[in-house]
């Protein structure tokens, strides 16, 4: 339980380091399970932007989490 809480805190901190657009798209895609099209419709971003924000956001999350684990 404590380990889960630490993982959640780590993820939350990493999400807060993302830019607003990346954070919004990553949360909608991975946590709320919305499709690219649904995210595009609700945010006004193009499909290409949504894909880019998710891809870059995922990469940046990984970097932030790895940095904070060390």
Foldseek 3Di string as FASTA:
>chain_A
DVVVVVVVVQLVVLLVPDDPLLSQLQCCCPVVVDDLVVSCVVPVDDSVSSVVSPVVSVVSSVVSSVVVVD
